[in-house]
């Protein structure tokens, strides 16, 4: 069964899928809010780089896990 790219909101996630402050962007080292699951492994991105690479990776990603909405949460 072929899986397509999915945009998941934080509400749809369970605890073992959430990214933490220890997860860092593969491009710049900032906190990662996006995980792209590829056939060969995972890529982590900050919101900026996730938005930059999403169009290119969407065709080959198995899943697109986006928690960038957490940036707008009030504390």
PDB file of N, CA and C in Angstrom:
ATOM      1  N   UNK A   1       0.845  -1.180   0.000  1.00  0.00           N
ATOM      2  CA  UNK A   1       0.000   0.000   0.000  1.00  0.00           C
ATOM      3  C   UNK A   1       0.888   1.240   0.000  1.00  0.00           C
ATOM      4  N   UNK A   2       0.667   2.142  -0.917  1.00  0.00           N
ATOM      5  CA  UNK A   2       1.445   3.361  -1.020  1.00  0.00           C
ATOM      6  C   UNK A   2       0.840   4.429  -0.132  1.00  0.00           C
ATOM      7  N   UNK A   3       1.687   5.058   0.666  1.00  0.00           N
ATOM      8  CA  UNK A   3       1.249   6.125   1.554  1.00  0.00           C
ATOM      9  C   UNK A   3       1.628   7.456   0.928  1.00  0.00           C
ATOM     10  N   UNK A   4       0.771   8.448   1.048  1.00  0.00           N
ATOM     11  CA  UNK A   4       1.055   9.760   0.478  1.00  0.00           C
ATOM     12  C   UNK A   4       1.409  10.745   1.579  1.00  0.00           C
ATOM     13  N   UNK A   5       1.923  11.905   1.183  1.00  0.00           N
ATOM     14  CA  UNK A   5       2.275  12.942   2.147  1.00  0.00           C
ATOM     15  C   UNK A   5       1.019  13.387   2.880  1.00  0.00           C
ATOM     16  N   UNK A   6       1.144  13.489   4.186  1.00  0.00           N
ATOM     17  CA  UNK A   6       0.029  13.928   5.012  1.00  0.00           C
ATOM     18  C   UNK A   6       0.475  15.105   5.855  1.00  0.00           C
ATOM     19  N   UNK A   7      -0.392  16.085   6.008  1.00  0.00           N
ATOM     20  CA  UNK A   7      -0.146  17.173   6.943  1.00  0.00           C
ATOM     21  C   UNK A   7      -0.922  16.838   8.201  1.00  0.00           C
ATOM     22  N   UNK A   8      -0.198  16.667   9.295  1.00  0.00           N
ATOM     23  CA  UNK A   8      -0.827  16.312  10.554  1.00  0.00           C
ATOM     24  C   UNK A   8      -0.738  17.482  11.518  1.00  0.00           C
ATOM     25  N   UNK A   9      -1.855  17.838  12.120  1.00  0.00           N
ATOM     26  CA  UNK A   9      -1.817  18.884  13.127  1.00  0.00           C
ATOM     27  C   UNK A   9      -1.386  18.270  14.457  1.00  0.00           C
ATOM     28  N   UNK A  10      -0.997  19.108  15.397  1.00  0.00           N
ATOM     29  CA  UNK A  10      -0.559  18.624  16.702  1.00  0.00           C
ATOM     30  C   UNK A  10      -1.683  17.845  17.375  1.00  0.00           C
ATOM     31  N   UNK A  11      -2.933  18.245  17.178  1.00  0.00           N
ATOM     32  CA  UNK A  11      -4.060  17.550  17.789  1.00  0.00           C
ATOM     33  C   UNK A  11      -4.168  16.098  17.342  1.00  0.00           C
ATOM     34  N   UNK A  12      -3.675  15.794  16.159  1.00  0.00           N
ATOM     35  CA  UNK A  12      -3.767  14.440  15.625  1.00  0.00           C
ATOM     36  C   UNK A  12      -2.612  13.544  16.065  1.00  0.00           C
ATOM     37  N   UNK A  13      -1.678  14.101  16.788  1.00  0.00           N
ATOM     38  CA  UNK A  13      -0.477  13.364  17.154  1.00  0.00           C
ATOM     39  C   UNK A  13      -0.632  12.729  18.516  1.00  0.00           C
ATOM     40  N   UNK A  14       0.034  11.598  18.699  1.00  0.00           N
ATOM     41  CA  UNK A  14       0.122  11.072  20.040  1.00  0.00           C
ATOM     42  C   UNK A  14       1.504  11.418  20.579  1.00  0.00           C
ATOM     43  N   UNK A  15       1.718  11.228  21.875  1.00  0.00           N
ATOM     44  CA  UNK A  15       2.934  11.707  22.530  1.00  0.00           C
ATOM     45  C   UNK A  15       4.222  11.168  21.930  1.00  0.00           C
ATOM     46  N   UNK A  16       4.234   9.948  21.426  1.00  0.00           N
ATOM     47  CA  UNK A  16       5.492   9.389  20.939  1.00  0.00           C
ATOM     48  C   UNK A  16       5.893   9.931  19.572  1.00  0.00           C
ATOM     49  N   UNK A  17       5.074  10.752  18.953  1.00  0.00           N
ATOM     50  CA  UNK A  17       5.413  11.338  17.662  1.00  0.00           C
ATOM     51  C   UNK A  17       5.827  12.796  17.771  1.00  0.00           C
ATOM     52  N   UNK A  18       5.556  13.449  18.893  1.00  0.00           N
ATOM     53  CA  UNK A  18       5.842  14.871  19.000  1.00  0.00           C
ATOM     54  C   UNK A  18       7.341  15.134  19.027  1.00  0.00           C
ATOM     55  N   UNK A  19       7.711  16.193  18.364  1.00  0.00           N
ATOM     56  CA  UNK A  19       9.102  16.629  18.354  1.00  0.00           C
ATOM     57  C   UNK A  19       9.390  17.392  19.645  1.00  0.00           C
ATOM     58  N   UNK A  20      10.628  17.333  20.101  1.00  0.00           N
ATOM     59  CA  UNK A  20      11.024  18.026  21.327  1.00  0.00           C
ATOM     60  C   UNK A  20      12.098  19.058  21.016  1.00  0.00           C
ATOM     61  N   UNK A  21      12.493  19.817  22.024  1.00  0.00           N
ATOM     62  CA  UNK A  21      13.544  20.819  21.853  1.00  0.00           C
ATOM     63  C   UNK A  21      14.874  20.172  21.482  1.00  0.00           C
ATOM     64  N   UNK A  22      15.029  18.897  21.750  1.00  0.00           N
ATOM     65  CA  UNK A  22      16.262  18.190  21.396  1.00  0.00           C
ATOM     66  C   UNK A  22      16.329  17.853  19.904  1.00  0.00           C
ATOM     67  N   UNK A  23      15.193  17.896  19.207  1.00  0.00           N
ATOM     68  CA  UNK A  23      15.167  17.623  17.766  1.00  0.00           C
ATOM     69  C   UNK A  23      15.575  18.889  17.031  1.00  0.00           C
ATOM     70  N   UNK A  24      16.609  18.797  16.197  1.00  0.00           N
ATOM     71  CA  UNK A  24      17.185  19.965  15.545  1.00  0.00           C
ATOM     72  C   UNK A  24      17.067  19.880  14.029  1.00  0.00           C
ATOM     73  N   UNK A  25      16.921  21.032  13.394  1.00  0.00           N
ATOM     74  CA  UNK A  25      16.814  21.135  11.941  1.00  0.00           C
ATOM     75  C   UNK A  25      18.095  20.622  11.288  1.00  0.00           C
ATOM     76  N   UNK A  26      17.958  19.767  10.296  1.00  0.00           N
ATOM     77  CA  UNK A  26      19.112  19.235   9.573  1.00  0.00           C
ATOM     78  C   UNK A  26      19.797  20.299   8.722  1.00  0.00           C
ATOM     79  N   UNK A  27      19.115  21.402   8.437  1.00  0.00           N
ATOM     80  CA  UNK A  27      19.703  22.449   7.606  1.00  0.00           C
ATOM     81  C   UNK A  27      20.452  23.506   8.412  1.00  0.00           C
ATOM     82  N   UNK A  28      19.884  23.921   9.558  1.00  0.00           N
ATOM     83  CA  UNK A  28      20.485  25.056  10.277  1.00  0.00           C
ATOM     84  C   UNK A  28      20.709  24.816  11.764  1.00  0.00           C
ATOM     85  N   UNK A  29      20.181  23.742  12.316  1.00  0.00           N
ATOM     86  CA  UNK A  29      20.378  23.441  13.727  1.00  0.00           C
ATOM     87  C   UNK A  29      19.355  24.057  14.665  1.00  0.00           C
ATOM     88  N   UNK A  30      18.396  24.830  14.149  1.00  0.00           N
ATOM     89  CA  UNK A  30      17.335  25.394  14.989  1.00  0.00           C
ATOM     90  C   UNK A  30      16.398  24.277  15.435  1.00  0.00           C
ATOM     91  N   UNK A  31      15.506  24.582  16.381  1.00  0.00           N
ATOM     92  CA  UNK A  31      14.560  23.568  16.838  1.00  0.00           C
ATOM     93  C   UNK A  31      13.708  23.084  15.669  1.00  0.00           C
ATOM     94  N   UNK A  32      13.566  21.784  15.565  1.00  0.00           N
ATOM     95  CA  UNK A  32      12.781  21.183  14.481  1.00  0.00           C
ATOM     96  C   UNK A  32      11.301  21.136  14.850  1.00  0.00           C
ATOM     97  N   UNK A  33      10.473  21.534  13.925  1.00  0.00           N
ATOM     98  CA  UNK A  33       9.026  21.445  14.062  1.00  0.00           C
ATOM     99  C   UNK A  33       8.412  20.578  12.971  1.00  0.00           C
ATOM    100  N   UNK A  34       9.237  20.122  12.046  1.00  0.00           N
ATOM    101  CA  UNK A  34       8.748  19.326  10.915  1.00  0.00           C
ATOM    102  C   UNK A  34       9.624  18.094  10.756  1.00  0.00           C
ATOM    103  N   UNK A  35       8.965  16.937  10.596  1.00  0.00           N
ATOM    104  CA  UNK A  35       9.666  15.683  10.311  1.00  0.00           C
ATOM    105  C   UNK A  35       9.152  15.157   8.981  1.00  0.00           C
ATOM    106  N   UNK A  36      10.051  14.994   8.034  1.00  0.00           N
ATOM    107  CA  UNK A  36       9.715  14.400   6.737  1.00  0.00           C
ATOM    108  C   UNK A  36      10.223  12.963   6.761  1.00  0.00           C
ATOM    109  N   UNK A  37       9.311  12.022   6.650  1.00  0.00           N
ATOM    110  CA  UNK A  37       9.698  10.621   6.630  1.00  0.00           C
ATOM    111  C   UNK A  37       9.846  10.174   5.186  1.00  0.00           C
ATOM    112  N   UNK A  38      11.054   9.762   4.876  1.00  0.00           N
ATOM    113  CA  UNK A  38      11.379   9.324   3.523  1.00  0.00           C
ATOM    114  C   UNK A  38      11.585   7.813   3.549  1.00  0.00           C
ATOM    115  N   UNK A  39      11.621   7.178   2.403  1.00  0.00           N
ATOM    116  CA  UNK A  39      11.883   5.743   2.333  1.00  0.00           C
ATOM    117  C   UNK A  39      13.253   5.409   2.928  1.00  0.00           C
ATOM    118  N   UNK A  40      14.182   6.347   2.845  1.00  0.00           N
ATOM    119  CA  UNK A  40      15.546   6.108   3.323  1.00  0.00           C
ATOM    120  C   UNK A  40      15.777   6.590   4.751  1.00  0.00           C
ATOM    121  N   UNK A  41      14.803   7.232   5.388  1.00  0.00           N
ATOM    122  CA  UNK A  41      14.959   7.726   6.757  1.00  0.00           C
ATOM    123  C   UNK A  41      14.185   9.006   6.969  1.00  0.00           C
ATOM    124  N   UNK A  42      14.526   9.721   8.037  1.00  0.00           N
ATOM    125  CA  UNK A  42      13.815  10.939   8.402  1.00  0.00           C
ATOM    126  C   UNK A  42      14.693  12.171   8.222  1.00  0.00           C
ATOM    127  N   UNK A  43      14.037  13.266   7.881  1.00  0.00           N
ATOM    128  CA  UNK A  43      14.674  14.576   7.830  1.00  0.00           C
ATOM    129  C   UNK A  43      13.922  15.479   8.792  1.00  0.00           C
ATOM    130  N   UNK A  44      14.652  16.298   9.545  1.00  0.00           N
ATOM    131  CA  UNK A  44      14.038  17.230  10.477  1.00  0.00           C
ATOM    132  C   UNK A  44      14.312  18.646  10.003  1.00  0.00           C
ATOM    133  N   UNK A  45      13.295  19.508  10.121  1.00  0.00           N
ATOM    134  CA  UNK A  45      13.431  20.883   9.668  1.00  0.00           C
ATOM    135  C   UNK A  45      12.786  21.847  10.651  1.00  0.00           C
ATOM    136  N   UNK A  46      13.360  23.049  10.746  1.00  0.00           N
ATOM    137  CA  UNK A  46      12.681  24.150  11.427  1.00  0.00           C
ATOM    138  C   UNK A  46      11.506  24.560  10.527  1.00  0.00           C
ATOM    139  N   UNK A  47      10.651  25.431  11.021  1.00  0.00           N
ATOM    140  CA  UNK A  47       9.494  25.850  10.213  1.00  0.00           C
ATOM    141  C   UNK A  47       9.937  26.523   8.911  1.00  0.00           C
ATOM    142  N   UNK A  48      10.975  27.329   8.981  1.00  0.00           N
ATOM    143  CA  UNK A  48      11.469  28.039   7.796  1.00  0.00           C
ATOM    144  C   UNK A  48      11.947  27.066   6.715  1.00  0.00           C
ATOM    145  N   UNK A  49      12.833  26.155   7.071  1.00  0.00           N
ATOM    146  CA  UNK A  49      13.369  25.228   6.071  1.00  0.00           C
ATOM    147  C   UNK A  49      12.326  24.187   5.646  1.00  0.00           C
ATOM    148  N   UNK A  50      11.426  23.827   6.542  1.00  0.00           N
ATOM    149  CA  UNK A  50      10.341  22.929   6.154  1.00  0.00           C
ATOM    150  C   UNK A  50       9.487  23.528   5.052  1.00  0.00           C
ATOM    151  N   UNK A  51       9.150  24.813   5.215  1.00  0.00           N
ATOM    152  CA  UNK A  51       8.365  25.494   4.180  1.00  0.00           C
ATOM    153  C   UNK A  51       9.158  25.615   2.881  1.00  0.00           C
ATOM    154  N   UNK A  52      10.454  25.849   3.009  1.00  0.00           N
ATOM    155  CA  UNK A  52      11.300  25.998   1.827  1.00  0.00           C
ATOM    156  C   UNK A  52      11.398  24.702   1.017  1.00  0.00           C
ATOM    157  N   UNK A  53      11.500  23.567   1.696  1.00  0.00           N
ATOM    158  CA  UNK A  53      11.724  22.288   1.011  1.00  0.00           C
ATOM    159  C   UNK A  53      10.471  21.451   0.783  1.00  0.00           C
ATOM    160  N   UNK A  54       9.338  21.865   1.323  1.00  0.00           N
ATOM    161  CA  UNK A  54       8.131  21.035   1.247  1.00  0.00           C
ATOM    162  C   UNK A  54       7.737  20.694  -0.191  1.00  0.00           C
ATOM    163  N   UNK A  55       7.732  21.659  -1.079  1.00  0.00           N
ATOM    164  CA  UNK A  55       7.313  21.387  -2.465  1.00  0.00           C
ATOM    165  C   UNK A  55       8.217  20.359  -3.141  1.00  0.00           C
ATOM    166  N   UNK A  56       9.512  20.432  -2.869  1.00  0.00           N
ATOM    167  CA  UNK A  56      10.451  19.497  -3.492  1.00  0.00           C
ATOM    168  C   UNK A  56      10.353  18.097  -2.897  1.00  0.00           C
ATOM    169  N   UNK A  57      10.094  18.021  -1.589  1.00  0.00           N
ATOM    170  CA  UNK A  57      10.073  16.722  -0.923  1.00  0.00           C
ATOM    171  C   UNK A  57       8.710  16.034  -0.952  1.00  0.00           C
ATOM    172  N   UNK A  58       7.645  16.789  -1.197  1.00  0.00           N
ATOM    173  CA  UNK A  58       6.291  16.231  -1.154  1.00  0.00           C
ATOM    174  C   UNK A  58       6.115  15.042  -2.090  1.00  0.00           C
ATOM    175  N   UNK A  59       6.779  15.069  -3.214  1.00  0.00           N
ATOM    176  CA  UNK A  59       6.616  13.989  -4.193  1.00  0.00           C
ATOM    177  C   UNK A  59       7.233  12.675  -3.726  1.00  0.00           C
ATOM    178  N   UNK A  60       8.205  12.737  -2.819  1.00  0.00           N
ATOM    179  CA  UNK A  60       8.886  11.502  -2.410  1.00  0.00           C
ATOM    180  C   UNK A  60       8.728  11.180  -0.933  1.00  0.00           C
ATOM    181  N   UNK A  61       8.152  12.091  -0.143  1.00  0.00           N
ATOM    182  CA  UNK A  61       7.976  11.845   1.291  1.00  0.00           C
ATOM    183  C   UNK A  61       6.839  10.865   1.537  1.00  0.00           C
ATOM    184  N   UNK A  62       7.036   9.987   2.512  1.00  0.00           N
ATOM    185  CA  UNK A  62       5.976   9.069   2.915  1.00  0.00           C
ATOM    186  C   UNK A  62       5.016   9.751   3.882  1.00  0.00           C
ATOM    187  N   UNK A  63       5.564  10.663   4.690  1.00  0.00           N
ATOM    188  CA  UNK A  63       4.747  11.407   5.659  1.00  0.00           C
ATOM    189  C   UNK A  63       5.377  12.772   5.891  1.00  0.00           C
ATOM    190  N   UNK A  64       4.536  13.766   6.110  1.00  0.00           N
ATOM    191  CA  UNK A  64       4.994  15.114   6.432  1.00  0.00           C
ATOM    192  C   UNK A  64       4.351  15.492   7.760  1.00  0.00           C
ATOM    193  N   UNK A  65       5.117  15.456   8.822  1.00  0.00           N
ATOM    194  CA  UNK A  65       4.651  15.697  10.184  1.00  0.00           C
ATOM    195  C   UNK A  65       4.999  17.134  10.549  1.00  0.00           C
ATOM    196  N   UNK A  66       4.004  18.002  10.690  1.00  0.00           N
ATOM    197  CA  UNK A  66       4.226  19.440  10.876  1.00  0.00           C
ATOM    198  C   UNK A  66       3.640  19.909  12.206  1.00  0.00           C
ATOM    199  N   UNK A  67       4.512  20.338  13.110  1.00  0.00           N
ATOM    200  CA  UNK A  67       4.094  20.887  14.396  1.00  0.00           C
ATOM    201  C   UNK A  67       4.365  22.386  14.470  1.00  0.00           C
ATOM    202  N   UNK A  68       4.545  23.038  13.337  1.00  0.00           N
ATOM    203  CA  UNK A  68       4.883  24.461  13.340  1.00  0.00           C
ATOM    204  C   UNK A  68       3.786  25.333  13.945  1.00  0.00           C
ATOM    205  N   UNK A  69       2.580  24.838  14.059  1.00  0.00           N
ATOM    206  CA  UNK A  69       1.502  25.608  14.700  1.00  0.00           C
ATOM    207  C   UNK A  69       1.826  25.867  16.174  1.00  0.00           C
ATOM    208  N   UNK A  70       2.725  25.065  16.755  1.00  0.00           N
ATOM    209  CA  UNK A  70       3.128  25.280  18.137  1.00  0.00           C
ATOM    210  C   UNK A  70       3.853  26.612  18.316  1.00  0.00           C
ATOM    211  N   UNK A  71       4.388  27.170  17.245  1.00  0.00           N
ATOM    212  CA  UNK A  71       5.061  28.464  17.332  1.00  0.00           C
ATOM    213  C   UNK A  71       4.094  29.596  17.664  1.00  0.00           C
ATOM    214  N   UNK A  72       2.827  29.398  17.406  1.00  0.00           N
ATOM    215  CA  UNK A  72       1.821  30.425  17.629  1.00  0.00           C
ATOM    216  C   UNK A  72       1.040  30.233  18.925  1.00  0.00           C
ATOM    217  N   UNK A  73       1.359  29.200  19.691  1.00  0.00           N
ATOM    218  CA  UNK A  73       0.667  28.946  20.948  1.00  0.00           C
ATOM    219  C   UNK A  73       1.093  29.970  21.990  1.00  0.00           C
ATOM    220  N   UNK A  74       0.135  30.408  22.804  1.00  0.00           N
ATOM    221  CA  UNK A  74       0.504  31.294  23.915  1.00  0.00           C
ATOM    222  C   UNK A  74       0.916  30.425  25.096  1.00  0.00           C
ATOM    223  N   UNK A  75       1.835  30.918  25.848  1.00  0.00           N
ATOM    224  CA  UNK A  75       2.388  30.122  26.949  1.00  0.00           C
ATOM    225  C   UNK A  75       1.654  30.379  28.238  1.00  0.00           C
TER     226      UNK A  75
END
